[in-house]
N, C-alpha and C. Protein backbone atom coordinates (compact mmCIF):
# COMPACT_ATOMS: atom_id res chain seq x y z
N UNK A 1 0.81 -1.62 0.19
CA UNK A 1 0.11 -0.24 -0.29
C UNK A 1 1.07 1.09 0.24
N UNK A 2 1.56 1.23 0.78
CA UNK A 2 3.10 2.28 0.49
C UNK A 2 3.38 2.83 -0.76
N UNK A 3 3.84 1.34 -0.75
CA UNK A 3 3.82 1.64 -2.69
C UNK A 3 3.31 2.36 -3.41
N UNK A 4 2.15 2.05 -3.26
CA UNK A 4 1.56 2.11 -4.23
C UNK A 4 1.23 4.02 -4.03
N UNK A 5 1.15 3.99 -2.52
CA UNK A 5 1.14 5.91 -2.65
C UNK A 5 2.20 6.33 -2.63
N UNK A 6 3.21 5.87 -2.79
CA UNK A 6 4.71 6.65 -3.04
C UNK A 6 4.47 6.60 -5.15
N UNK A 7 3.95 5.80 -5.43
CA UNK A 7 3.63 5.79 -6.70
C UNK A 7 3.36 7.10 -7.22
N UNK A 8 2.34 7.02 -6.45
CA UNK A 8 0.55 8.02 -6.96
C UNK A 8 1.32 9.49 -6.72
N UNK A 9 2.55 9.80 -5.73
CA UNK A 9 2.64 10.97 -5.17
C UNK A 9 3.77 11.29 -6.32
N UNK A 10 4.50 10.22 -7.11
CA UNK A 10 6.05 10.91 -7.98
C UNK A 10 4.60 10.79 -9.27
N UNK A 11 3.80 10.71 -9.22
CA UNK A 11 3.24 11.02 -10.60
C UNK A 11 2.05 12.34 -10.02
N UNK A 12 1.77 12.46 -9.20
CA UNK A 12 1.57 13.73 -9.24
C UNK A 12 2.42 15.00 -9.14
N UNK A 13 3.74 14.97 -8.58
CA UNK A 13 4.89 15.52 -9.01
C UNK A 13 4.73 16.02 -10.23
N UNK A 14 5.61 14.65 -10.70
CA UNK A 14 5.82 15.13 -12.28
C UNK A 14 4.42 15.55 -12.79
N UNK A 15 3.15 15.92 -12.45
CA UNK A 15 2.34 16.40 -13.41
C UNK A 15 2.22 17.77 -12.76
N UNK A 16 2.52 18.02 -11.45
CA UNK A 16 2.54 19.51 -11.26
C UNK A 16 3.71 20.30 -12.25
N UNK A 17 5.07 19.67 -12.36
CA UNK A 17 6.21 19.65 -13.15
C UNK A 17 5.78 19.76 -14.50
N UNK A 18 5.20 19.32 -15.48
CA UNK A 18 5.03 19.14 -16.90
C UNK A 18 3.77 19.67 -17.51
N UNK A 19 3.55 21.09 -17.15
CA UNK A 19 2.30 21.87 -17.25
C UNK A 19 2.40 21.95 -18.66
N UNK A 20 1.38 22.11 -19.43
CA UNK A 20 1.43 22.08 -20.85
C UNK A 20 0.85 23.27 -20.69
N UNK A 21 0.55 23.75 -21.81
CA UNK A 21 0.07 25.04 -21.94
C UNK A 21 -1.35 24.66 -23.28
N UNK A 22 -2.35 25.58 -22.61
CA UNK A 22 -3.65 25.04 -23.26
C UNK A 22 -3.43 25.87 -25.13
N UNK A 23 -4.12 25.12 -25.97
CA UNK A 23 -3.87 25.79 -27.13
C UNK A 23 -4.37 26.99 -27.07
N UNK A 24 -3.90 28.21 -27.89
CA UNK A 24 -4.34 29.20 -28.06
C UNK A 24 -6.12 29.18 -29.04
N UNK A 25 -5.91 27.87 -29.54
CA UNK A 25 -7.82 28.22 -30.56
C UNK A 25 -8.86 27.60 -29.42
N UNK A 26 -8.45 26.62 -28.37
CA UNK A 26 -9.34 25.83 -28.11
C UNK A 26 -9.83 27.40 -26.55
N UNK A 27 -8.32 27.91 -26.41
CA UNK A 27 -9.19 28.66 -25.21
C UNK A 27 -9.84 29.60 -25.98
N UNK A 28 -9.35 30.19 -26.89
CA UNK A 28 -10.35 30.86 -27.68
C UNK A 28 -11.85 30.81 -27.86
N UNK A 29 -12.18 29.46 -28.05
CA UNK A 29 -13.42 28.95 -28.37
C UNK A 29 -14.18 28.92 -27.46
N UNK A 30 -13.02 28.17 -25.71
CA UNK A 30 -13.82 28.51 -24.10
C UNK A 30 -14.33 29.89 -24.15
N UNK A 31 -13.44 30.40 -24.58
CA UNK A 31 -13.82 31.90 -23.50
C UNK A 31 -15.27 33.04 -24.51
N UNK A 32 -15.33 32.29 -25.81
CA UNK A 32 -16.56 32.91 -26.97
C UNK A 32 -17.28 31.98 -26.45
N UNK A 33 -17.33 31.25 -26.21
CA UNK A 33 -18.70 30.44 -25.55
C UNK A 33 -19.39 30.72 -24.72
N UNK A 34 -18.12 30.87 -23.55
CA UNK A 34 -18.91 31.92 -21.95
C UNK A 34 -19.06 32.60 -21.98
N UNK A 35 -18.81 33.98 -23.19
CA UNK A 35 -19.38 35.09 -23.29
C UNK A 35 -20.54 34.75 -23.99
N UNK A 36 -20.78 34.40 -24.79
CA UNK A 36 -22.05 34.09 -25.49
C UNK A 36 -23.14 33.17 -24.13
N UNK A 37 -22.47 32.71 -23.11
CA UNK A 37 -23.68 32.40 -22.26
C UNK A 37 -23.85 33.56 -20.97
N UNK A 38 -22.96 33.97 -21.11
CA UNK A 38 -23.02 34.78 -20.09
C UNK A 38 -23.89 36.13 -20.65
N UNK A 39 -24.04 36.34 -21.84
CA UNK A 39 -25.24 37.49 -22.56
C UNK A 39 -26.28 36.87 -22.64
N UNK A 40 -26.58 36.15 -23.16
CA UNK A 40 -27.60 34.81 -23.00
C UNK A 40 -28.31 35.11 -21.73
N UNK A 41 -27.85 35.18 -20.58
CA UNK A 41 -28.28 35.01 -19.44
C UNK A 41 -28.84 36.75 -18.90
N UNK A 42 -28.49 37.91 -19.77
CA UNK A 42 -28.08 39.06 -19.02
C UNK A 42 -29.95 39.45 -19.74
N UNK A 43 -30.29 39.00 -20.84
CA UNK A 43 -31.26 38.93 -21.76
C UNK A 43 -32.52 38.02 -20.61
N UNK A 44 -33.70 39.37 -20.82
CA UNK A 44 -34.54 39.25 -20.18
C UNK A 44 -34.95 38.21 -20.73
N UNK A 45 -36.40 37.16 -20.38
CA UNK A 45 -37.01 36.17 -21.19
C UNK A 45 -37.89 36.77 -21.33
N UNK A 46 -38.53 36.06 -22.72
CA UNK A 46 -39.80 37.27 -23.07
C UNK A 46 -41.06 36.19 -22.53
N UNK A 47 -41.82 36.89 -21.70
CA UNK A 47 -42.98 36.16 -20.51
C UNK A 47 -43.74 35.52 -21.83
N UNK A 48 -44.39 34.21 -20.98
CA UNK A 48 -45.33 33.34 -21.59
C UNK A 48 -46.13 33.56 -21.25
N UNK A 49 -47.81 33.94 -22.23
CA UNK A 49 -49.22 34.05 -21.87
C UNK A 49 -49.53 32.16 -21.15
N UNK A 50 -50.01 32.75 -20.54
CA UNK A 50 -50.75 31.59 -19.60
C UNK A 50 -51.42 31.13 -19.94
N UNK A 51 -52.15 29.54 -20.54
CA UNK A 51 -53.64 29.00 -20.95
C UNK A 51 -54.73 29.82 -20.33
N UNK A 52 -55.46 29.45 -20.65
CA UNK A 52 -57.17 30.36 -21.27
C UNK A 52 -57.42 29.28 -19.62
N UNK A 53 -57.29 28.49 -18.99
CA UNK A 53 -58.04 27.79 -17.97
C UNK A 53 -56.93 28.80 -16.53
N UNK A 54 -55.68 28.44 -17.38
CA UNK A 54 -54.78 29.01 -15.48
C UNK A 54 -55.55 30.68 -15.65
N UNK A 55 -55.88 30.96 -16.05
CA UNK A 55 -56.00 32.44 -16.23
C UNK A 55 -57.64 32.98 -15.77
N UNK A 56 -58.44 31.73 -16.55
CA UNK A 56 -59.80 31.98 -15.67
C UNK A 56 -59.99 31.32 -14.28
N UNK A 57 -58.98 30.38 -13.83
CA UNK A 57 -58.48 29.91 -12.56
C UNK A 57 -58.21 31.05 -11.54
N UNK A 58 -57.61 31.60 -12.05
CA UNK A 58 -56.08 32.70 -11.42
C UNK A 58 -57.61 33.83 -10.99
N UNK A 59 -58.84 34.34 -12.63
CA UNK A 59 -59.72 35.41 -11.58
C UNK A 59 -60.50 34.91 -10.80
N UNK A 60 -60.75 33.54 -10.85
CA UNK A 60 -61.70 33.32 -9.62
C UNK A 60 -61.19 33.66 -8.44
N UNK A 61 -60.43 33.16 -8.21
CA UNK A 61 -59.86 32.71 -6.60
C UNK A 61 -59.13 31.95 -6.19
N UNK A 62 -58.41 30.60 -7.74
CA UNK A 62 -57.05 29.79 -7.48
C UNK A 62 -58.47 28.70 -6.86
N UNK A 63 -57.32 27.54 -6.51
CA UNK A 63 -58.44 26.61 -6.48
C UNK A 63 -59.57 26.68 -5.28
N UNK A 64 -59.44 27.62 -4.20
CA UNK A 64 -60.16 27.91 -3.34
C UNK A 64 -61.07 28.52 -3.59
N UNK A 65 -61.17 29.26 -4.36
CA UNK A 65 -62.41 30.19 -5.35
C UNK A 65 -63.41 28.99 -5.85
N UNK A 66 -62.28 27.77 -6.98
CA UNK A 66 -62.84 27.31 -7.45
C UNK A 66 -64.06 26.00 -6.59
N UNK A 67 -63.35 25.72 -5.25
CA UNK A 67 -63.95 24.69 -4.77
C UNK A 67 -65.49 25.55 -3.89
N UNK A 68 -65.18 26.88 -3.38
CA UNK A 68 -66.15 27.45 -3.00
C UNK A 68 -67.34 27.47 -4.18
N UNK A 69 -66.72 27.93 -5.49
CA UNK A 69 -68.00 28.47 -6.55
C UNK A 69 -68.93 26.68 -6.87
N UNK A 70 -67.85 25.67 -6.69
CA UNK A 70 -68.61 23.99 -7.04
C UNK A 70 -69.38 23.86 -5.65
N UNK A 71 -68.66 23.92 -4.72
CA UNK A 71 -70.09 24.01 -3.25
C UNK A 71 -70.86 24.55 -3.62
N UNK A 72 -70.94 26.01 -3.93
CA UNK A 72 -72.22 26.66 -4.28
C UNK A 72 -73.08 26.49 -4.60
N UNK A 73 -72.54 26.15 -6.03
CA UNK A 73 -73.40 25.13 -7.35
C UNK A 73 -73.98 23.70 -6.70
N UNK A 74 -73.57 22.81 -6.52
CA UNK A 74 -73.61 22.05 -6.10
C UNK A 74 -74.94 21.54 -4.81
N UNK A 75 -74.93 22.90 -4.37
CA UNK A 75 -76.26 23.20 -3.52
C UNK A 75 -77.37 23.70 -3.73
N UNK A 76 -77.39 23.97 -4.97
CA UNK A 76 -77.95 25.19 -5.80
C UNK A 76 -78.96 24.32 -6.81
N UNK A 77 -77.99 23.26 -6.88
CA UNK A 77 -78.65 21.87 -7.40
C UNK A 77 -79.57 21.28 -6.60
N UNK A 78 -78.75 20.92 -5.55
CA UNK A 78 -79.83 20.13 -4.43
C UNK A 78 -80.72 20.47 -3.65
N UNK A 79 -80.48 21.91 -4.02
CA UNK A 79 -82.09 22.50 -3.15
C UNK A 79 -83.41 22.54 -4.51
N UNK A 80 -82.63 22.65 -5.66
CA UNK A 80 -83.60 22.92 -6.92
C UNK A 80 -83.90 21.61 -7.41
N UNK A 81 -83.66 20.31 -6.81
CA UNK A 81 -84.12 19.11 -7.10
C UNK A 81 -85.15 18.86 -5.95
N UNK A 82 -84.59 19.06 -4.56
CA UNK A 82 -85.53 18.74 -3.16
C UNK A 82 -85.74 19.98 -2.59
N UNK A 83 -86.10 20.67 -3.33
CA UNK A 83 -86.82 21.87 -2.36
C UNK A 83 -87.68 21.60 -1.45
N UNK A 84 -87.53 22.40 -0.26
CA UNK A 84 -88.15 21.91 0.96
C UNK A 84 -89.67 22.46 0.89
N UNK A 85 -90.50 22.19 1.61
CA UNK A 85 -92.08 22.38 1.46
C UNK A 85 -92.47 23.93 1.21
N UNK A 86 -92.10 24.44 1.66
CA UNK A 86 -92.68 26.07 1.70
C UNK A 86 -92.55 26.45 0.66
N UNK A 87 -91.53 26.28 -0.21
CA UNK A 87 -91.03 26.67 -1.36
C UNK A 87 -92.05 26.01 -2.63
N UNK A 88 -92.25 27.18 -4.04
CA UNK A 88 -92.68 26.17 -4.80
C UNK A 88 -92.06 25.62 -5.72
N UNK A 89 -92.51 24.28 -6.23
CA UNK A 89 -91.85 23.55 -7.03
C UNK A 89 -91.72 23.82 -8.38
N UNK A 90 -90.79 24.45 -9.09
CA UNK A 90 -90.68 25.03 -10.63
C UNK A 90 -91.24 23.45 -11.47
N UNK A 91 -90.90 22.46 -11.31
CA UNK A 91 -91.41 21.52 -12.32
C UNK A 91 -92.72 21.48 -12.60
N UNK A 92 -93.55 22.16 -11.44
CA UNK A 92 -95.19 21.86 -11.71
C UNK A 92 -95.66 22.90 -12.29
N UNK A 93 -94.86 24.34 -12.79
CA UNK A 93 -95.13 25.46 -13.23
C UNK A 93 -94.87 24.89 -14.93
N UNK A 94 -93.85 24.21 -14.94
CA UNK A 94 -93.37 23.63 -16.29
C UNK A 94 -94.75 22.65 -16.86
N UNK A 95 -94.66 21.64 -15.96
CA UNK A 95 -95.62 20.65 -16.33
C UNK A 95 -96.55 20.67 -16.24
N UNK A 96 -97.23 21.89 -15.83
CA UNK A 96 -99.23 22.30 -15.47
C UNK A 96 -99.54 21.95 -16.96
N UNK A 97 -100.88 21.24 -16.64
CA UNK A 97 -101.90 21.52 -17.31
C UNK A 97 -102.52 22.93 -17.69
N UNK A 98 -102.98 23.33 -16.55
CA UNK A 98 -103.69 24.57 -16.40
C UNK A 98 -102.13 25.78 -16.55
N UNK A 99 -102.44 26.23 -17.70
CA UNK A 99 -101.67 27.59 -18.16
C UNK A 99 -102.21 28.62 -17.43
N UNK A 100 -101.64 29.01 -16.24
CA UNK A 100 -101.70 30.43 -15.22
C UNK A 100 -100.39 30.47 -14.80
N UNK A 101 -100.16 31.76 -14.60
CA UNK A 101 -99.24 32.26 -14.13
C UNK A 101 -99.26 33.22 -12.47
N UNK A 102 -98.48 32.80 -11.90
CA UNK A 102 -98.24 33.02 -10.44
C UNK A 102 -98.43 35.15 -10.25
N UNK A 103 -98.67 35.44 -9.98
CA UNK A 103 -98.10 36.93 -10.04
C UNK A 103 -98.03 37.25 -8.46
N UNK A 104 -97.23 37.63 -7.84
CA UNK A 104 -97.05 38.48 -6.56
C UNK A 104 -97.26 39.72 -6.34
N UNK A 105 -97.85 39.45 -5.57
CA UNK A 105 -98.54 41.19 -5.04
C UNK A 105 -97.50 42.34 -4.53
N UNK A 106 -96.76 43.10 -5.42
CA UNK A 106 -95.57 43.61 -5.18
C UNK A 106 -96.15 45.25 -4.94
N UNK A 107 -97.38 45.33 -3.97
CA UNK A 107 -97.99 46.66 -3.33
C UNK A 107 -97.03 47.25 -2.60
N UNK A 108 -96.79 48.36 -2.67
CA UNK A 108 -95.97 48.79 -1.44
C UNK A 108 -97.04 49.28 -0.36
N UNK A 109 -96.56 49.05 0.84
CA UNK A 109 -97.43 49.97 1.70
C UNK A 109 -96.94 50.78 2.29
N UNK A 110 -97.81 52.43 1.76
CA UNK A 110 -97.60 53.30 2.38
C UNK A 110 -98.09 53.71 3.36
N UNK A 111 -98.90 53.14 4.29
CA UNK A 111 -99.72 53.60 5.43
C UNK A 111 -98.51 54.48 6.49
N UNK A 112 -97.23 54.12 6.52
CA UNK A 112 -96.50 54.46 8.06
C UNK A 112 -96.44 56.04 7.28
N UNK A 113 -96.43 56.03 5.44
CA UNK A 113 -96.26 57.32 5.13
C UNK A 113 -96.92 58.07 6.00
N UNK A 114 -98.05 57.98 5.28
CA UNK A 114 -99.30 58.86 6.24
C UNK A 114 -99.61 59.10 7.62
N UNK A 115 -99.03 58.22 7.97
CA UNK A 115 -98.99 58.59 9.83
C UNK A 115 -98.13 59.52 10.29
N UNK A 116 -96.81 59.51 9.74
CA UNK A 116 -95.88 60.41 9.38
C UNK A 116 -96.48 61.50 9.29
N UNK A 117 -97.18 62.19 8.92
CA UNK A 117 -98.22 63.48 8.72
C UNK A 117 -98.89 64.20 9.77
């Protein structure tokens, strides 16, 4: 083992003494390539347009907003199909044989204005 170590030390010593110069054309090519890489990193990248779905998702508040939108939509569908007893069933209006419209009484009660005078 010590013999291998000695041989390795001799090889390293010889390599330190026998320095060969880098060929000029290789040095020029390396420096030219390094300069082109440096200049390409200085130029700002063109911003890429986001896809339509990504812009829509961002406009609606991200995944949290979409989750709330889906939950509210599903609640509306559920209430629409199984409406509570006190609400009229819209299917009765659509499939009713007697064509009559329900008109709400929207007359305003103005009696409180008369009492104020």
